Protein backbone atom coordinates (compact mmCIF):
# COMPACT_ATOMS: atom_id res chain seq x y z
CA MET A 1 68.62 -36.24 61.14
CA SER A 2 67.56 -33.06 62.89
CA ILE A 3 68.31 -32.12 65.95
CA ILE A 4 65.63 -32.14 68.70
CA ASN A 5 64.08 -28.31 69.95
CA PRO A 6 65.46 -27.34 73.85
CA GLN A 7 62.39 -25.61 73.94
CA ALA A 8 60.45 -28.66 72.79
CA THR A 9 62.19 -30.94 74.73
CA MET A 10 61.87 -29.01 78.29
CA ALA A 11 58.40 -28.19 77.83
CA ALA A 12 57.73 -31.89 77.15
CA ILE A 13 59.34 -31.89 80.47
CA LYS A 14 57.78 -30.07 82.54
CA ARG A 15 54.53 -31.70 80.93
CA ALA A 16 55.90 -35.61 81.93
CA LYS A 17 56.92 -33.60 85.52
CA THR A 18 52.93 -32.13 85.86
CA LEU A 19 51.69 -35.96 84.43
CA GLN A 20 54.19 -37.76 87.57
CA GLY A 21 52.67 -35.32 89.94
CA GLU A 22 49.53 -35.45 89.22
CA MET A 23 49.86 -39.40 90.05
CA SER A 24 51.66 -39.29 93.14
CA CYS A 25 50.32 -38.68 96.87
CA PRO A 26 50.85 -35.79 98.44
CA ILE A 27 51.92 -37.32 101.90
CA CYS A 28 54.49 -40.16 100.54
CA LEU A 29 55.12 -37.98 97.18
CA GLU A 30 55.66 -41.93 95.67
CA TYR A 31 53.30 -43.25 93.04
CA PHE A 32 49.42 -44.14 93.75
CA GLN A 33 48.94 -47.22 95.59
CA ASP A 34 45.29 -48.07 96.20
CA PRO A 35 44.35 -44.51 95.35
CA VAL A 36 41.10 -43.57 97.23
CA VAL A 37 39.73 -39.85 97.12
CA LEU A 38 37.83 -37.35 99.49
CA ASP A 39 34.48 -35.54 99.61
CA CYS A 40 36.84 -32.36 98.38
CA ASP A 41 38.23 -34.26 95.61
CA HIS A 42 41.98 -34.44 96.58
CA ASN A 43 43.84 -38.11 96.32
CA PHE A 44 45.49 -39.90 98.37
CA CYS A 45 47.16 -43.74 99.03
CA ARG A 46 44.73 -44.94 101.30
CA ALA A 47 47.34 -46.32 103.98
CA CYS A 48 48.85 -42.69 103.63
CA ILE A 49 45.55 -40.64 104.82
CA THR A 50 44.55 -43.35 107.25
CA GLN A 51 47.83 -43.27 108.74
CA CYS A 52 47.58 -39.55 109.11
CA TRP A 53 44.45 -39.67 110.54
CA GLU A 54 45.58 -42.24 113.03
CA GLY A 55 44.71 -41.12 116.87
CA SER A 56 43.18 -37.17 115.70
CA GLN A 57 39.80 -36.38 116.57
CA THR A 58 39.19 -34.35 113.81
CA LEU A 59 38.98 -35.69 110.48
CA SER A 60 40.49 -32.78 107.44
CA CYS A 61 42.13 -33.00 104.18
CA PRO A 62 45.95 -32.19 104.64
CA GLN A 63 46.04 -30.68 101.08
CA CYS A 64 42.84 -27.78 101.93
CA GLY A 65 41.54 -28.31 105.77
CA GLN A 66 38.69 -29.13 104.51
CA THR A 67 37.20 -31.40 107.58
CA CYS A 68 35.27 -35.01 106.95
CA PRO A 69 32.33 -35.03 108.59
CA GLU A 70 33.04 -39.48 108.10
CA LYS A 71 35.72 -41.89 106.60
CA ASN A 72 34.24 -41.43 103.65
CA LEU A 73 36.88 -43.54 101.86
CA ARG A 74 36.19 -43.84 97.88
CA PRO A 75 37.93 -45.65 95.69
CA ASN A 76 39.76 -44.35 93.09
CA ARG A 77 39.68 -46.71 89.99
CA GLN A 78 39.91 -44.78 86.97
CA LEU A 79 43.46 -43.31 89.10
CA ARG A 80 44.56 -46.51 89.73
CA ASN A 81 44.26 -48.00 86.17
CA ILE A 82 46.42 -44.66 84.86
CA VAL A 83 48.80 -45.00 87.33
CA GLU A 84 49.07 -48.86 86.33
CA ALA A 85 49.42 -48.03 83.33
CA ALA A 86 52.17 -44.94 83.40
CA ARG A 87 54.19 -47.44 86.01
CA GLY A 88 54.13 -49.99 83.06
CA LEU A 89 55.51 -47.88 79.87
CA ARG A 90 57.87 -46.32 82.54
CA LEU A 91 59.29 -49.79 83.16
CA GLN A 92 59.20 -50.59 79.40
CA SER A 93 60.91 -47.68 78.66
CA GLU A 94 63.67 -48.13 81.00
CA ARG A 95 64.23 -51.90 78.85
CA GLU A 96 63.99 -50.13 75.89
CA ALA A 97 66.62 -47.95 77.09
CA GLU A 98 69.27 -50.79 78.02
CA THR A 99 69.28 -52.10 74.87
CA GLU A 100 70.03 -48.98 72.72
CA GLY A 101 73.92 -48.21 72.43
CA LEU A 102 74.69 -50.98 69.83
CA CYS A 103 75.18 -50.76 66.07
CA GLU A 104 71.81 -52.92 64.63
CA LYS A 105 74.68 -54.33 62.12
CA HIS A 106 77.33 -55.39 63.64
CA ARG A 107 76.11 -55.66 67.35
CA GLU A 108 79.37 -53.07 68.13
CA PRO A 109 79.04 -50.18 70.71
CA LEU A 110 78.23 -47.34 68.76
CA LYS A 111 81.32 -45.36 70.00
CA LEU A 112 81.51 -42.85 66.82
CA PHE A 113 79.57 -40.28 65.40
CA CYS A 114 79.75 -39.94 61.01
CA LYS A 115 79.09 -36.03 61.04
CA ASP A 116 78.19 -36.35 57.15
CA ASP A 117 75.10 -39.02 57.56
CA GLN A 118 74.41 -37.69 60.63
CA ILE A 119 74.50 -40.96 62.73
CA SER A 120 76.16 -43.06 65.73
CA ILE A 121 78.36 -45.57 64.13
CA CYS A 122 80.91 -48.85 64.90
CA VAL A 123 84.08 -49.47 64.57
CA VAL A 124 83.61 -51.68 61.44
CA CYS A 125 81.00 -49.52 60.62
CA ASP A 126 84.47 -46.14 60.28
CA ARG A 127 86.50 -48.89 58.21
CA SER A 128 83.43 -49.88 55.73
CA LYS A 129 83.18 -48.68 52.23
CA GLU A 130 79.70 -46.73 53.48
CA HIS A 131 81.45 -44.78 55.11
CA ARG A 132 85.36 -44.56 54.90
CA ASP A 133 85.15 -40.75 53.00
CA HIS A 134 82.85 -39.67 55.90
CA ARG A 135 83.71 -37.34 58.51
CA VAL A 136 83.87 -39.78 61.64
CA ILE A 137 84.50 -37.69 65.53
CA PRO A 138 84.58 -39.85 68.50
CA ALA A 139 80.63 -40.25 69.90
CA GLU A 140 81.94 -38.28 73.19
CA GLU A 141 81.95 -35.03 71.04
CA VAL A 142 78.29 -35.25 70.83
CA ALA A 143 77.29 -36.96 73.10
CA GLU A 144 76.32 -34.07 75.41
CA GLU A 145 73.74 -33.13 72.67
CA PHE A 146 72.31 -36.69 71.69
CA LYS A 147 72.67 -38.64 74.55
CA VAL A 148 69.34 -37.44 75.40
CA ARG A 149 67.25 -37.85 72.25
CA PRO A 150 66.29 -41.69 73.37
CA LYS A 151 64.86 -40.83 76.36
CA LYS A 152 63.04 -38.16 75.81
CA LEU A 153 61.93 -39.81 73.08
CA GLN A 154 61.01 -42.46 75.47
CA GLU A 155 59.03 -39.44 77.66
CA TRP A 156 57.35 -38.28 75.06
CA LYS A 157 56.20 -41.78 74.11
CA VAL A 158 54.83 -42.32 77.98
CA THR A 159 53.87 -38.88 77.71
CA LEU A 160 50.98 -39.30 74.31
CA SER A 161 49.83 -42.22 76.51
CA LEU A 162 48.88 -40.41 79.57
CA PHE A 163 47.42 -38.12 77.47
CA LEU A 164 45.23 -40.79 75.65
CA LEU A 165 44.50 -42.51 79.28
CA LEU A 166 43.72 -38.91 80.28
CA LEU A 167 41.66 -37.98 77.10
CA GLN A 168 39.34 -41.18 78.21
CA ARG A 169 38.99 -40.32 81.43
CA LYS A 170 37.43 -36.51 79.90
CA THR A 171 35.41 -38.16 77.68
CA GLN A 172 33.92 -40.95 79.73
CA THR A 173 33.37 -38.26 82.69
CA GLU A 174 31.41 -36.09 79.40
CA ARG A 175 29.40 -38.85 78.93
CA GLN A 176 28.64 -39.35 82.70
CA LYS A 177 27.72 -35.94 83.01
CA ILE A 178 25.59 -36.23 79.94
CA VAL A 179 23.57 -38.44 81.47
CA SER A 180 22.78 -36.81 84.39
CA GLU A 181 21.90 -33.13 83.23
CA PHE A 182 19.43 -35.67 81.09
CA GLN A 183 17.93 -37.28 84.06
CA GLN A 184 17.67 -34.36 85.42
CA LEU A 185 15.96 -32.61 82.79
CA ARG A 186 13.73 -35.84 82.82
CA GLN A 187 12.72 -35.77 86.46
CA PHE A 188 12.22 -32.12 86.01
CA LEU A 189 9.18 -32.46 83.42
CA GLU A 190 7.86 -35.96 85.77
CA GLU A 191 7.49 -32.80 88.19
CA GLN A 192 5.62 -30.30 85.96
CA GLU A 193 3.50 -33.13 84.49
CA ARG A 194 2.19 -33.82 88.21
CA LEU A 195 2.56 -30.97 89.23
CA LEU A 196 -0.37 -29.54 86.18
CA LEU A 197 -1.97 -32.88 86.38
CA ALA A 198 -2.87 -31.55 90.12
CA GLN A 199 -3.35 -28.00 89.22
CA LEU A 200 -6.17 -29.67 86.67
CA GLU A 201 -7.82 -32.47 88.78
CA LYS A 202 -8.19 -29.60 91.11
CA LEU A 203 -10.02 -26.97 89.08
CA GLU A 204 -12.31 -30.28 88.04
CA LYS A 205 -13.39 -30.96 91.41
CA GLU A 206 -13.80 -27.24 91.95
CA MET A 207 -16.22 -26.78 88.77
CA VAL A 208 -17.85 -30.28 89.35
CA MET A 209 -19.04 -28.77 93.08
CA PHE A 210 -19.65 -25.05 91.68
CA HIS A 211 -22.53 -27.12 88.51
CA THR A 212 -23.71 -28.95 91.87
CA ASP A 213 -24.15 -25.87 94.04
CA ASN A 214 -25.91 -24.53 90.60
CA ILE A 215 -28.06 -27.59 89.98
CA THR A 216 -29.47 -27.69 93.14
CA THR A 217 -30.07 -24.16 93.82
CA LEU A 218 -31.79 -23.58 90.54
CA SER A 219 -34.02 -27.25 91.48
CA GLU A 220 -34.65 -25.26 95.07
CA GLU A 221 -35.84 -22.16 93.22
CA ILE A 222 -38.25 -24.48 90.62
CA SER A 223 -39.79 -25.99 93.59
CA ARG A 224 -40.79 -22.35 95.26
CA LEU A 225 -42.27 -20.72 92.16
CA SER A 226 -44.18 -24.16 91.45
CA LYS A 227 -46.05 -24.09 94.91
CA LEU A 228 -46.39 -20.16 94.60
CA ILE A 229 -47.70 -20.69 90.87
CA SER A 230 -50.00 -23.67 93.05
CA GLU A 231 -50.93 -20.84 95.61
CA VAL A 232 -51.77 -18.46 93.07
CA GLU A 233 -54.64 -20.87 91.02
CA ARG A 234 -55.96 -21.79 94.11
CA LYS A 235 -56.66 -17.83 95.52
CA CYS A 236 -57.52 -17.19 92.63
CA GLN A 237 -60.27 -20.03 91.94
CA LYS A 238 -62.36 -18.53 95.33
CA PRO A 239 -64.68 -15.64 94.72
CA THR A 240 -63.39 -12.48 94.14
CA ASN A 241 -65.11 -10.83 97.42
CA GLU A 242 -63.55 -13.53 99.58
CA PHE A 243 -59.95 -12.88 98.03
CA LEU A 244 -60.40 -9.35 98.33
CA GLN A 245 -62.12 -8.95 101.69
CA VAL A 246 -59.46 -9.43 104.01
CA ARG A 247 -58.54 -7.92 107.29
CA LEU A 248 -55.62 -5.24 107.33
CA MET A 249 -52.73 -7.91 108.17
CA LYS A 250 -54.05 -10.62 105.07
CA TYR A 251 -54.10 -7.21 103.11
CA ASN A 252 -50.42 -6.63 103.80
CA HIS A 253 -49.71 -10.54 102.65
CA VAL A 254 -51.37 -10.37 99.55
CA LYS A 255 -49.89 -7.32 99.24
CA LEU A 256 -46.48 -9.13 99.53
CA PHE A 257 -47.43 -12.25 98.02
CA LEU A 258 -48.52 -9.98 94.48
CA SER A 259 -45.85 -7.80 94.27
CA ARG A 260 -43.42 -11.22 94.38
CA CYS A 261 -45.36 -13.19 91.69
CA GLU A 262 -45.24 -9.70 89.52
CA LYS A 263 -41.38 -8.68 89.95
CA GLY A 264 -40.40 -12.97 89.75
CA LYS A 265 -37.98 -12.10 93.02
CA PHE A 266 -35.76 -15.33 92.61
CA GLN A 267 -32.53 -16.42 93.56
CA GLN A 268 -30.18 -16.51 89.74
CA PRO A 269 -27.91 -19.53 89.29
CA LYS A 270 -24.26 -18.06 90.28
CA GLU A 271 -21.67 -17.42 87.27
CA ILE A 272 -18.13 -19.34 86.52
CA SER A 273 -16.23 -17.47 89.26
CA PRO A 274 -13.48 -15.26 87.60
CA GLY A 275 -10.91 -17.02 89.19
CA LEU A 276 -11.04 -20.87 88.18
CA GLU A 277 -11.58 -19.03 84.23
CA LYS A 278 -7.84 -17.55 85.14
CA GLU A 279 -6.06 -20.19 87.10
CA LEU A 280 -7.53 -22.86 83.93
CA SER A 281 -5.63 -20.61 81.73
CA ASP A 282 -2.96 -19.97 83.99
CA VAL A 283 -2.46 -24.11 83.89
CA SER A 284 -3.00 -24.39 80.21
CA GLN A 285 -0.10 -21.14 79.53
CA LYS A 286 2.50 -22.60 82.07
CA THR A 287 5.76 -24.46 79.88
CA VAL A 288 6.31 -27.48 81.17
CA LEU A 289 10.56 -27.80 80.16
CA PRO A 290 12.96 -26.17 80.51
CA PRO A 291 13.85 -22.38 78.86
CA GLY A 292 16.21 -23.43 76.04
CA LEU A 293 14.12 -26.50 75.05
CA SER A 294 10.89 -25.76 74.81
CA SER A 295 9.06 -24.48 71.66
CA ALA A 296 6.71 -22.16 73.89
CA PRO A 297 7.92 -18.64 73.97
CA ASN A 298 6.28 -17.55 77.35
CA ALA A 299 8.22 -18.03 80.81
CA PRO A 300 7.17 -20.17 83.95
CA ILE A 301 4.49 -18.13 85.37
CA LEU A 302 6.34 -17.39 88.98
CA PRO A 303 4.64 -16.18 92.09
CA PRO A 304 7.02 -12.53 92.29
CA VAL A 305 9.25 -12.49 95.54
CA THR A 306 9.52 -8.94 97.08
CA VAL A 307 13.20 -7.77 96.51
CA THR A 308 15.56 -5.38 98.12
CA LEU A 309 18.74 -3.91 97.57
CA ASP A 310 20.86 -4.62 101.14
CA PRO A 311 22.90 -0.99 101.13
CA ASP A 312 25.99 -2.46 103.96
CA THR A 313 27.01 -4.97 100.70
CA ALA A 314 26.53 -1.85 98.42
CA HIS A 315 29.80 -0.59 97.40
CA PRO A 316 30.61 3.18 97.91
CA ARG A 317 30.26 4.40 94.13
CA LEU A 318 26.56 3.04 94.61
CA VAL A 319 23.45 4.96 95.92
CA LEU A 320 20.52 3.07 96.94
CA SER A 321 16.94 4.98 97.39
CA GLU A 322 15.82 4.29 100.89
CA ASP A 323 13.08 2.20 99.89
CA GLY A 324 15.88 -0.26 98.60
CA LYS A 325 14.70 -0.60 94.81
CA HIS A 326 16.50 1.75 93.02
CA VAL A 327 20.41 1.88 92.82
CA ARG A 328 22.45 4.52 90.80
CA ARG A 329 25.73 5.01 89.85
CA GLY A 330 27.18 8.05 92.20
CA GLN A 331 29.87 10.65 91.78
CA PRO A 332 31.91 11.11 94.48
CA LEU A 333 32.65 8.31 97.11
CA GLN A 334 30.40 8.26 99.81
CA ASP A 335 32.37 8.10 103.67
CA LEU A 336 30.77 4.64 104.26
CA PRO A 337 31.86 2.60 106.73
CA ASN A 338 33.80 -0.54 105.45
CA ASN A 339 32.38 -3.54 107.14
CA PRO A 340 32.74 -6.98 106.25
CA GLU A 341 30.05 -7.30 103.91
CA ARG A 342 30.50 -4.18 101.42
CA PHE A 343 32.37 -4.48 97.85
CA ASP A 344 34.87 -2.25 98.49
CA THR A 345 36.31 -2.64 94.79
CA ALA A 346 34.14 -4.03 92.30
CA PRO A 347 31.15 -1.80 92.21
CA CYS A 348 28.47 -4.57 93.39
CA VAL A 349 25.53 -4.79 95.38
CA LEU A 350 23.36 -7.80 96.63
CA GLY A 351 19.54 -7.90 97.40
CA ARG A 352 18.77 -8.39 101.18
CA GLU A 353 16.96 -12.04 100.52
CA GLY A 354 18.19 -15.45 99.92
CA PHE A 355 16.84 -18.19 98.92
CA THR A 356 18.02 -21.85 99.57
CA SER A 357 15.25 -24.16 98.66
CA GLY A 358 12.31 -23.52 95.57
CA ARG A 359 11.18 -21.18 92.39
CA HIS A 360 11.42 -18.23 92.70
CA CYS A 361 11.48 -14.52 90.56
CA TRP A 362 11.99 -10.85 90.19
CA GLU A 363 11.80 -8.37 88.07
CA VAL A 364 14.95 -5.78 86.91
CA GLU A 365 14.36 -2.78 84.89
CA VAL A 366 17.38 -1.73 82.83
CA GLY A 367 15.93 0.66 80.79
CA ASP A 368 18.46 1.75 77.96
CA TRP A 369 21.76 1.85 80.37
CA ARG A 370 24.32 0.46 79.05
CA CYS A 371 26.99 -0.37 81.23
CA TRP A 372 25.29 -2.91 83.88
CA ALA A 373 25.25 -6.86 84.76
CA MET A 374 22.59 -8.53 86.57
CA GLY A 375 21.50 -12.34 88.33
CA VAL A 376 22.09 -14.21 91.60
CA ALA A 377 25.56 -14.53 93.36
CA ARG A 378 26.05 -16.92 96.26
CA GLU A 379 26.14 -15.69 100.13
CA SER A 380 30.10 -16.32 100.56
CA VAL A 381 30.43 -14.25 97.57
CA ARG A 382 33.78 -11.76 97.34
CA ARG A 383 33.59 -8.08 98.49
CA LYS A 384 37.29 -7.71 99.01
CA GLY A 385 39.57 -6.51 96.47
CA GLY A 386 39.22 -8.26 92.41
CA ILE A 387 36.63 -10.25 91.45
CA ARG A 388 35.96 -12.11 88.26
CA TYR A 389 32.35 -12.12 87.05
CA SER A 390 31.81 -15.93 86.49
CA PRO A 391 29.95 -19.23 88.36
CA GLU A 392 33.55 -20.70 89.58
CA TRP A 393 33.44 -17.36 91.43
CA GLY A 394 29.96 -17.46 93.08
CA ILE A 395 28.71 -15.62 90.21
CA TRP A 396 25.31 -16.29 87.56
CA ALA A 397 24.49 -13.43 85.60
CA VAL A 398 24.32 -11.28 81.94
CA GLU A 399 25.90 -8.49 81.14
CA ARG A 400 25.44 -5.04 79.10
CA GLY A 401 28.38 -2.67 78.11
CA GLY A 402 28.57 -0.56 75.79
CA ASP A 403 27.09 -2.73 72.44
CA GLN A 404 27.94 -5.81 73.89
CA PHE A 405 25.56 -8.08 75.53
CA ARG A 406 26.76 -11.78 76.92
CA ALA A 407 26.33 -14.31 79.80
CA LEU A 408 28.84 -14.17 82.50
CA THR A 409 29.94 -18.13 81.41
CA SER A 410 33.82 -19.27 81.53
CA PRO A 411 34.31 -18.12 79.25
CA GLU A 412 31.65 -15.58 77.95
CA THR A 413 28.28 -16.74 75.41
CA SER A 414 27.45 -13.59 73.33
CA LEU A 415 23.96 -12.93 73.20
CA PRO A 416 22.36 -11.24 70.69
CA GLN A 417 21.47 -7.11 70.65
CA SER A 418 18.78 -7.37 69.27
CA ARG A 419 17.59 -9.67 72.49
CA VAL A 420 18.12 -6.66 75.48
CA PRO A 421 15.10 -6.03 76.85
CA SER A 422 14.06 -2.97 78.52
CA ARG A 423 13.32 -5.03 81.61
CA ILE A 424 14.49 -8.43 82.57
CA ARG A 425 12.99 -11.08 84.79
CA VAL A 426 15.11 -13.58 87.24
CA CYS A 427 13.98 -16.86 87.78
CA LEU A 428 15.94 -18.71 90.25
CA ASP A 429 15.28 -22.81 90.90
CA CYS A 430 17.35 -23.92 93.62
CA ASP A 431 16.12 -27.53 93.81
CA ARG A 432 17.26 -27.94 90.33
CA GLY A 433 20.00 -25.23 90.43
CA LEU A 434 19.52 -23.34 87.65
CA VAL A 435 18.99 -19.35 86.97
CA THR A 436 17.14 -18.44 83.53
CA PHE A 437 16.58 -14.92 82.05
CA PHE A 438 13.48 -13.58 80.76
CA GLY A 439 12.47 -10.48 78.74
CA ALA A 440 9.75 -9.41 81.43
CA GLY A 441 7.57 -7.99 77.47
CA ASP A 442 7.67 -10.84 75.51
CA GLU A 443 8.99 -13.04 77.71
CA ALA A 444 11.07 -15.01 75.72
CA PRO A 445 14.03 -16.67 76.54
CA ILE A 446 17.24 -14.67 77.03
CA PHE A 447 19.88 -17.46 78.54
CA THR A 448 19.97 -20.21 80.69
CA PHE A 449 22.49 -21.88 82.65
CA PRO A 450 22.34 -25.21 83.12
CA PRO A 451 20.50 -27.51 85.79
CA GLY A 452 22.88 -27.78 88.74
CA SER A 453 25.01 -24.56 87.76
CA VAL A 454 23.72 -22.79 91.13
CA ALA A 455 23.73 -25.17 94.08
CA GLY A 456 25.83 -25.60 97.72
CA GLU A 457 24.52 -22.13 99.90
CA ARG A 458 22.39 -19.38 99.79
CA ILE A 459 21.63 -17.17 96.85
CA ARG A 460 21.08 -13.72 96.65
CA PRO A 461 20.13 -11.63 93.56
CA TRP A 462 22.93 -9.63 92.53
CA LEU A 463 23.62 -6.19 90.20
CA ARG A 464 26.44 -4.32 89.00
CA VAL A 465 26.60 -0.82 87.86
CA TRP A 466 30.12 0.74 86.32
CA GLY A 467 28.67 3.91 83.76
CA ALA A 468 28.48 7.54 84.62
CA ASN A 469 24.41 7.55 86.09
CA THR A 470 23.65 4.98 85.14
CA ARG A 471 20.07 3.92 86.74
CA LEU A 472 18.90 -0.03 87.59
CA ARG A 473 15.36 -0.42 89.44
CA LEU A 474 13.67 -3.34 91.01
CA CYS A 475 10.36 -3.73 90.24
CA PRO A 476 7.94 -3.79 92.50
């Protein structure tokens, strides 16, 4: 019989306490009774939170302090099921522990311990032939070492059962996430289909109108020329002297008339508008699927937006041009006011422009520099002290550090070094919460943060420059 590893035992106890804490109400510190979840994702007993809010004009979470607009108490059925399962396992463990401590063969108390066989025995076992010549000592001498073993095994059993329940809950959450994301993709495709069909219908109407105008113009010219021909034929039938002997005013009229006949002055039909041809070409080249899912190599065609850099947010090490289009890493630190908007530790800068809805794109020229990162960030991104460059901290970006090219996910996603272009296009879809990076030259997709990633507040362009003399430029 092996002795339980003390470190493993302590770790199991710690995990069991952590799981028990997750199933306890922060107000009453007991197992949840009818758990409800607030908009901030914190859980409480319905009775506890109701009593806590009683008489309060401002409803806020007792844990994080976030204000709740109304009493939006949603039942947390999954947490309720987990708590009920844990409570049942605990009662079962206690009942099984009560029956232990008796010899299975003689049903006598296990007061002795056989060191040769490493098992607990009763006084009847000690007198039996099986243990007669063995080293037997009182159980009290080894009780401190072994008395917790049944309880620990039961705790392990409860812990494993809870792990299974939590795993099932996580699986259900992932399933719902997948269903939701594909639903968003379907909505995206339907929206793109409606948009492109509407554009084609508009172009078709314009082309029909253009064709109708040309037909009308040609018909009018044919009628006018027919009348002119008839008039010429009629005049040619008159005697020569009568046709030529006219007064000066009549002479001018005939001269103009003959000139029109000779030169064939009539209105030419209009050629198809280059603008219509370009619109039709643009519609045919648009990518209808989100980047990463489409086999088409081109990026969605979006009107570019004007983006400039905000000097009030720039780290003192970064030098900006007067027009806000260029940024470089300079030496030494500039003497700039430490206003609340400025990054004081991370060499970052934000764009002046911010977006809360719609689709927008802009391009950044990175050249061959090897120490930069670019993308978007929340308006509330941390400016002071240390910063983590990840979506959890409100930053969605790609980065090149030396020979490494990666997307700043959690954990980071490595990207092929061969896909580093000299100019990168950033496409932001606020309505879908989606950010995509393309090579500005070949329109090849580089990386896409999935739908729903960017949401919640105003989003601004973001750059990070840390290499000596590294220069980035916002393309016009």
